[in-house]
Amino acid sequence: MKNILRELRAAKKWSQGDLAGELGVSRQTINAIETEKYDPSLPLAFDIARLFKRPIEEIFEARA
């Protein structure tokens, strides 16, 4: 799933580990989402949207 998670994280000057800690997941999970190797669960996607105060559709975009 295409996403802008890396850009949002960088804007806050957070490491992958920092973001993982905020969300209660592993750093590897954040890396996999950012590199589009893993699609987050719906609850995790909503947690990410809430954390960055953005609509979920603005962060994640389904591939065609």
PDB file of N, CA and C in Angstrom:
ATOM      1  N   MET A   1       0.843  -1.171   0.000  1.00  0.00           N
ATOM      2  CA  MET A   1       0.000   0.000   0.000  1.00  0.00           C
ATOM      3  C   MET A   1       0.895   1.242   0.000  1.00  0.00           C
ATOM      4  N   LYS A   2       0.692   2.098  -0.965  1.00  0.00           N
ATOM      5  CA  LYS A   2       1.470   3.333  -1.055  1.00  0.00           C
ATOM      6  C   LYS A   2       1.129   4.209   0.152  1.00  0.00           C
ATOM      7  N   ASN A   3       2.147   4.869   0.704  1.00  0.00           N
ATOM      8  CA  ASN A   3       1.892   5.704   1.875  1.00  0.00           C
ATOM      9  C   ASN A   3       2.943   6.797   2.002  1.00  0.00           C
ATOM     10  N   ILE A   4       2.633   7.784   2.860  1.00  0.00           N
ATOM     11  CA  ILE A   4       3.552   8.894   3.108  1.00  0.00           C
ATOM     12  C   ILE A   4       4.075   8.860   4.547  1.00  0.00           C
ATOM     13  N   LEU A   5       4.099   7.679   5.128  1.00  0.00           N
ATOM     14  CA  LEU A   5       4.504   7.554   6.525  1.00  0.00           C
ATOM     15  C   LEU A   5       5.926   8.061   6.754  1.00  0.00           C
ATOM     16  N   ARG A   6       6.853   7.725   5.881  1.00  0.00           N
ATOM     17  CA  ARG A   6       8.246   8.172   6.040  1.00  0.00           C
ATOM     18  C   ARG A   6       8.327   9.699   6.083  1.00  0.00           C
ATOM     19  N   GLU A   7       7.588  10.367   5.185  1.00  0.00           N
ATOM     20  CA  GLU A   7       7.609  11.829   5.145  1.00  0.00           C
ATOM     21  C   GLU A   7       7.021  12.433   6.419  1.00  0.00           C
ATOM     22  N   LEU A   8       5.927  11.861   6.890  1.00  0.00           N
ATOM     23  CA  LEU A   8       5.306  12.362   8.124  1.00  0.00           C
ATOM     24  C   LEU A   8       6.236  12.175   9.323  1.00  0.00           C
ATOM     25  N   ARG A   9       6.867  11.022   9.386  1.00  0.00           N
ATOM     26  CA  ARG A   9       7.797  10.727  10.487  1.00  0.00           C
ATOM     27  C   ARG A   9       8.985  11.671  10.437  1.00  0.00           C
ATOM     28  N   ALA A  10       9.539  11.895   9.255  1.00  0.00           N
ATOM     29  CA  ALA A  10      10.698  12.776   9.098  1.00  0.00           C
ATOM     30  C   ALA A  10      10.352  14.217   9.486  1.00  0.00           C
ATOM     31  N   ALA A  11       9.142  14.639   9.181  1.00  0.00           N
ATOM     32  CA  ALA A  11       8.724  16.004   9.518  1.00  0.00           C
ATOM     33  C   ALA A  11       8.737  16.232  11.029  1.00  0.00           C
ATOM     34  N   LYS A  12       8.496  15.175  11.798  1.00  0.00           N
ATOM     35  CA  LYS A  12       8.534  15.270  13.259  1.00  0.00           C
ATOM     36  C   LYS A  12       9.919  14.962  13.821  1.00  0.00           C
ATOM     37  N   LYS A  13      10.857  14.645  12.916  1.00  0.00           N
ATOM     38  CA  LYS A  13      12.226  14.284  13.309  1.00  0.00           C
ATOM     39  C   LYS A  13      12.251  13.061  14.229  1.00  0.00           C
ATOM     40  N   TRP A  14      11.356  12.114  13.949  1.00  0.00           N
ATOM     41  CA  TRP A  14      11.292  10.868  14.705  1.00  0.00           C
ATOM     42  C   TRP A  14      12.060   9.794  13.954  1.00  0.00           C
ATOM     43  N   SER A  15      12.730   8.929  14.690  1.00  0.00           N
ATOM     44  CA  SER A  15      13.315   7.731  14.087  1.00  0.00           C
ATOM     45  C   SER A  15      12.194   6.704  13.920  1.00  0.00           C
ATOM     46  N   GLN A  16      12.504   5.637  13.202  1.00  0.00           N
ATOM     47  CA  GLN A  16      11.518   4.554  13.101  1.00  0.00           C
ATOM     48  C   GLN A  16      11.223   3.996  14.483  1.00  0.00           C
ATOM     49  N   GLY A  17      12.246   3.928  15.321  1.00  0.00           N
ATOM     50  CA  GLY A  17      12.054   3.437  16.684  1.00  0.00           C
ATOM     51  C   GLY A  17      11.150   4.337  17.500  1.00  0.00           C
ATOM     52  N   ASP A  18      11.301   5.651  17.327  1.00  0.00           N
ATOM     53  CA  ASP A  18      10.437   6.604  18.039  1.00  0.00           C
ATOM     54  C   ASP A  18       8.976   6.383  17.654  1.00  0.00           C
ATOM     55  N   LEU A  19       8.730   6.288  16.354  1.00  0.00           N
ATOM     56  CA  LEU A  19       7.362   6.093  15.872  1.00  0.00           C
ATOM     57  C   LEU A  19       6.816   4.753  16.351  1.00  0.00           C
ATOM     58  N   ALA A  20       7.642   3.733  16.284  1.00  0.00           N
ATOM     59  CA  ALA A  20       7.222   2.410  16.753  1.00  0.00           C
ATOM     60  C   ALA A  20       6.802   2.467  18.220  1.00  0.00           C
ATOM     61  N   GLY A  21       7.572   3.177  19.034  1.00  0.00           N
ATOM     62  CA  GLY A  21       7.236   3.323  20.453  1.00  0.00           C
ATOM     63  C   GLY A  21       5.910   4.041  20.659  1.00  0.00           C
ATOM     64  N   GLU A  22       5.667   5.063  19.870  1.00  0.00           N
ATOM     65  CA  GLU A  22       4.395   5.803  19.973  1.00  0.00           C
ATOM     66  C   GLU A  22       3.201   4.911  19.636  1.00  0.00           C
ATOM     67  N   LEU A  23       3.416   3.980  18.706  1.00  0.00           N
ATOM     68  CA  LEU A  23       2.318   3.134  18.221  1.00  0.00           C
ATOM     69  C   LEU A  23       2.261   1.763  18.889  1.00  0.00           C
ATOM     70  N   GLY A  24       3.292   1.425  19.664  1.00  0.00           N
ATOM     71  CA  GLY A  24       3.297   0.119  20.327  1.00  0.00           C
ATOM     72  C   GLY A  24       3.561  -1.038  19.382  1.00  0.00           C
ATOM     73  N   VAL A  25       4.378  -0.784  18.352  1.00  0.00           N
ATOM     74  CA  VAL A  25       4.764  -1.839  17.407  1.00  0.00           C
ATOM     75  C   VAL A  25       6.283  -1.873  17.324  1.00  0.00           C
ATOM     76  N   SER A  26       6.829  -2.810  16.573  1.00  0.00           N
ATOM     77  CA  SER A  26       8.287  -2.902  16.432  1.00  0.00           C
ATOM     78  C   SER A  26       8.797  -1.932  15.371  1.00  0.00           C
ATOM     79  N   ARG A  27      10.076  -1.607  15.455  1.00  0.00           N
ATOM     80  CA  ARG A  27      10.714  -0.770  14.439  1.00  0.00           C
ATOM     81  C   ARG A  27      10.640  -1.452  13.081  1.00  0.00           C
ATOM     82  N   GLN A  28      10.754  -2.781  13.086  1.00  0.00           N
ATOM     83  CA  GLN A  28      10.683  -3.541  11.837  1.00  0.00           C
ATOM     84  C   GLN A  28       9.318  -3.378  11.169  1.00  0.00           C
ATOM     85  N   THR A  29       8.272  -3.275  11.967  1.00  0.00           N
ATOM     86  CA  THR A  29       6.931  -3.062  11.413  1.00  0.00           C
ATOM     87  C   THR A  29       6.867  -1.721  10.707  1.00  0.00           C
ATOM     88  N   ILE A  30       7.411  -0.685  11.330  1.00  0.00           N
ATOM     89  CA  ILE A  30       7.420   0.645  10.713  1.00  0.00           C
ATOM     90  C   ILE A  30       8.219   0.609   9.413  1.00  0.00           C
ATOM     91  N   ASN A  31       9.381  -0.033   9.441  1.00  0.00           N
ATOM     92  CA  ASN A  31      10.200  -0.147   8.236  1.00  0.00           C
ATOM     93  C   ASN A  31       9.438  -0.855   7.120  1.00  0.00           C
ATOM     94  N   ALA A  32       8.765  -1.933   7.459  1.00  0.00           N
ATOM     95  CA  ALA A  32       8.027  -2.704   6.450  1.00  0.00           C
ATOM     96  C   ALA A  32       6.869  -1.897   5.864  1.00  0.00           C
ATOM     97  N   ILE A  33       6.191  -1.099   6.688  1.00  0.00           N
ATOM     98  CA  ILE A  33       5.108  -0.254   6.178  1.00  0.00           C
ATOM     99  C   ILE A  33       5.687   0.823   5.256  1.00  0.00           C
ATOM    100  N   GLU A  34       6.762   1.476   5.695  1.00  0.00           N
ATOM    101  CA  GLU A  34       7.363   2.546   4.901  1.00  0.00           C
ATOM    102  C   GLU A  34       7.883   2.055   3.551  1.00  0.00           C
ATOM    103  N   THR A  35       8.400   0.843   3.514  1.00  0.00           N
ATOM    104  CA  THR A  35       8.934   0.293   2.262  1.00  0.00           C
ATOM    105  C   THR A  35       7.874  -0.474   1.467  1.00  0.00           C
ATOM    106  N   GLU A  36       6.640  -0.389   1.924  1.00  0.00           N
ATOM    107  CA  GLU A  36       5.482  -0.988   1.257  1.00  0.00           C
ATOM    108  C   GLU A  36       5.566  -2.499   1.141  1.00  0.00           C
ATOM    109  N   LYS A  37       6.238  -3.121   2.108  1.00  0.00           N
ATOM    110  CA  LYS A  37       6.320  -4.577   2.144  1.00  0.00           C
ATOM    111  C   LYS A  37       5.246  -5.179   3.052  1.00  0.00           C
ATOM    112  N   TYR A  38       4.566  -4.312   3.790  1.00  0.00           N
ATOM    113  CA  TYR A  38       3.556  -4.760   4.746  1.00  0.00           C
ATOM    114  C   TYR A  38       2.454  -3.723   4.798  1.00  0.00           C
ATOM    115  N   ASP A  39       1.214  -4.175   4.697  1.00  0.00           N
ATOM    116  CA  ASP A  39       0.073  -3.282   4.854  1.00  0.00           C
ATOM    117  C   ASP A  39      -0.384  -3.356   6.309  1.00  0.00           C
ATOM    118  N   PRO A  40      -0.510  -2.203   6.960  1.00  0.00           N
ATOM    119  CA  PRO A  40      -0.907  -2.231   8.368  1.00  0.00           C
ATOM    120  C   PRO A  40      -2.334  -2.732   8.533  1.00  0.00           C
ATOM    121  N   SER A  41      -2.603  -3.284   9.701  1.00  0.00           N
ATOM    122  CA  SER A  41      -3.985  -3.660  10.023  1.00  0.00           C
ATOM    123  C   SER A  41      -4.821  -2.383  10.064  1.00  0.00           C
ATOM    124  N   LEU A  42      -6.111  -2.523   9.962  1.00  0.00           N
ATOM    125  CA  LEU A  42      -6.984  -1.353  10.008  1.00  0.00           C
ATOM    126  C   LEU A  42      -6.842  -0.599  11.338  1.00  0.00           C
ATOM    127  N   PRO A  43      -6.824  -1.296  12.487  1.00  0.00           N
ATOM    128  CA  PRO A  43      -6.633  -0.553  13.743  1.00  0.00           C
ATOM    129  C   PRO A  43      -5.304   0.207  13.779  1.00  0.00           C
ATOM    130  N   LEU A  44      -4.232  -0.387  13.273  1.00  0.00           N
ATOM    131  CA  LEU A  44      -2.938   0.296  13.257  1.00  0.00           C
ATOM    132  C   LEU A  44      -2.984   1.487  12.305  1.00  0.00           C
ATOM    133  N   ALA A  45      -3.605   1.340  11.153  1.00  0.00           N
ATOM    134  CA  ALA A  45      -3.721   2.451  10.209  1.00  0.00           C
ATOM    135  C   ALA A  45      -4.481   3.615  10.846  1.00  0.00           C
ATOM    136  N   PHE A  46      -5.547   3.312  11.583  1.00  0.00           N
ATOM    137  CA  PHE A  46      -6.298   4.370  12.271  1.00  0.00           C
ATOM    138  C   PHE A  46      -5.462   5.012  13.373  1.00  0.00           C
ATOM    139  N   ASP A  47      -4.675   4.219  14.091  1.00  0.00           N
ATOM    140  CA  ASP A  47      -3.781   4.777  15.119  1.00  0.00           C
ATOM    141  C   ASP A  47      -2.763   5.730  14.495  1.00  0.00           C
ATOM    142  N   ILE A  48      -2.219   5.356  13.348  1.00  0.00           N
ATOM    143  CA  ILE A  48      -1.256   6.211  12.642  1.00  0.00           C
ATOM    144  C   ILE A  48      -1.936   7.514  12.229  1.00  0.00           C
ATOM    145  N   ALA A  49      -3.120   7.423  11.652  1.00  0.00           N
ATOM    146  CA  ALA A  49      -3.857   8.619  11.225  1.00  0.00           C
ATOM    147  C   ALA A  49      -4.142   9.531  12.416  1.00  0.00           C
ATOM    148  N   ARG A  50      -4.541   8.935  13.529  1.00  0.00           N
ATOM    149  CA  ARG A  50      -4.825   9.721  14.747  1.00  0.00           C
ATOM    150  C   ARG A  50      -3.563  10.411  15.253  1.00  0.00           C
ATOM    151  N   LEU A  51      -2.459   9.682  15.275  1.00  0.00           N
ATOM    152  CA  LEU A  51      -1.192  10.216  15.775  1.00  0.00           C
ATOM    153  C   LEU A  51      -0.749  11.433  14.966  1.00  0.00           C
ATOM    154  N   PHE A  52      -0.895  11.363  13.645  1.00  0.00           N
ATOM    155  CA  PHE A  52      -0.464  12.466  12.789  1.00  0.00           C
ATOM    156  C   PHE A  52      -1.578  13.469  12.496  1.00  0.00           C
ATOM    157  N   LYS A  53      -2.760  13.216  13.065  1.00  0.00           N
ATOM    158  CA  LYS A  53      -3.914  14.121  12.896  1.00  0.00           C
ATOM    159  C   LYS A  53      -4.204  14.384  11.410  1.00  0.00           C
ATOM    160  N   ARG A  54      -4.252  13.296  10.668  1.00  0.00           N
ATOM    161  CA  ARG A  54      -4.544  13.346   9.229  1.00  0.00           C
ATOM    162  C   ARG A  54      -5.612  12.310   8.906  1.00  0.00           C
ATOM    163  N   PRO A  55      -6.392  12.546   7.862  1.00  0.00           N
ATOM    164  CA  PRO A  55      -7.332  11.500   7.419  1.00  0.00           C
ATOM    165  C   PRO A  55      -6.548  10.288   6.937  1.00  0.00           C
ATOM    166  N   ILE A  56      -7.062   9.129   7.209  1.00  0.00           N
ATOM    167  CA  ILE A  56      -6.389   7.884   6.826  1.00  0.00           C
ATOM    168  C   ILE A  56      -6.135   7.842   5.322  1.00  0.00           C
ATOM    169  N   GLU A  57      -7.066   8.401   4.538  1.00  0.00           N
ATOM    170  CA  GLU A  57      -6.934   8.387   3.087  1.00  0.00           C
ATOM    171  C   GLU A  57      -5.771   9.255   2.605  1.00  0.00           C
ATOM    172  N   GLU A  58      -5.369  10.225   3.421  1.00  0.00           N
ATOM    173  CA  GLU A  58      -4.248  11.097   3.062  1.00  0.00           C
ATOM    174  C   GLU A  58      -2.910  10.387   3.285  1.00  0.00           C
ATOM    175  N   ILE A  59      -2.889   9.445   4.197  1.00  0.00           N
ATOM    176  CA  ILE A  59      -1.646   8.733   4.531  1.00  0.00           C
ATOM    177  C   ILE A  59      -1.469   7.488   3.670  1.00  0.00           C
ATOM    178  N   PHE A  60      -2.554   6.760   3.468  1.00  0.00           N
ATOM    179  CA  PHE A  60      -2.486   5.491   2.739  1.00  0.00           C
ATOM    180  C   PHE A  60      -3.297   5.553   1.453  1.00  0.00           C
ATOM    181  N   GLU A  61      -2.729   4.994   0.390  1.00  0.00           N
ATOM    182  CA  GLU A  61      -3.388   4.973  -0.901  1.00  0.00           C
ATOM    183  C   GLU A  61      -3.231   3.572  -1.495  1.00  0.00           C
ATOM    184  N   ALA A  62      -4.338   2.969  -1.832  1.00  0.00           N
ATOM    185  CA  ALA A  62      -4.296   1.622  -2.417  1.00  0.00           C
ATOM    186  C   ALA A  62      -3.624   1.667  -3.782  1.00  0.00           C
ATOM    187  N   ARG A  63      -2.830   0.662  -4.061  1.00  0.00           N
ATOM    188  CA  ARG A  63      -2.185   0.557  -5.388  1.00  0.00           C
ATOM    189  C   ARG A  63      -3.210   0.166  -6.423  1.00  0.00           C
ATOM    190  N   ALA A  64      -3.027   0.660  -7.620  1.00  0.00           N
ATOM    191  CA  ALA A  64      -3.948   0.319  -8.713  1.00  0.00           C
ATOM    192  C   ALA A  64      -3.677  -1.070  -9.230  1.00  0.00           C
TER     193      ALA A  64
END
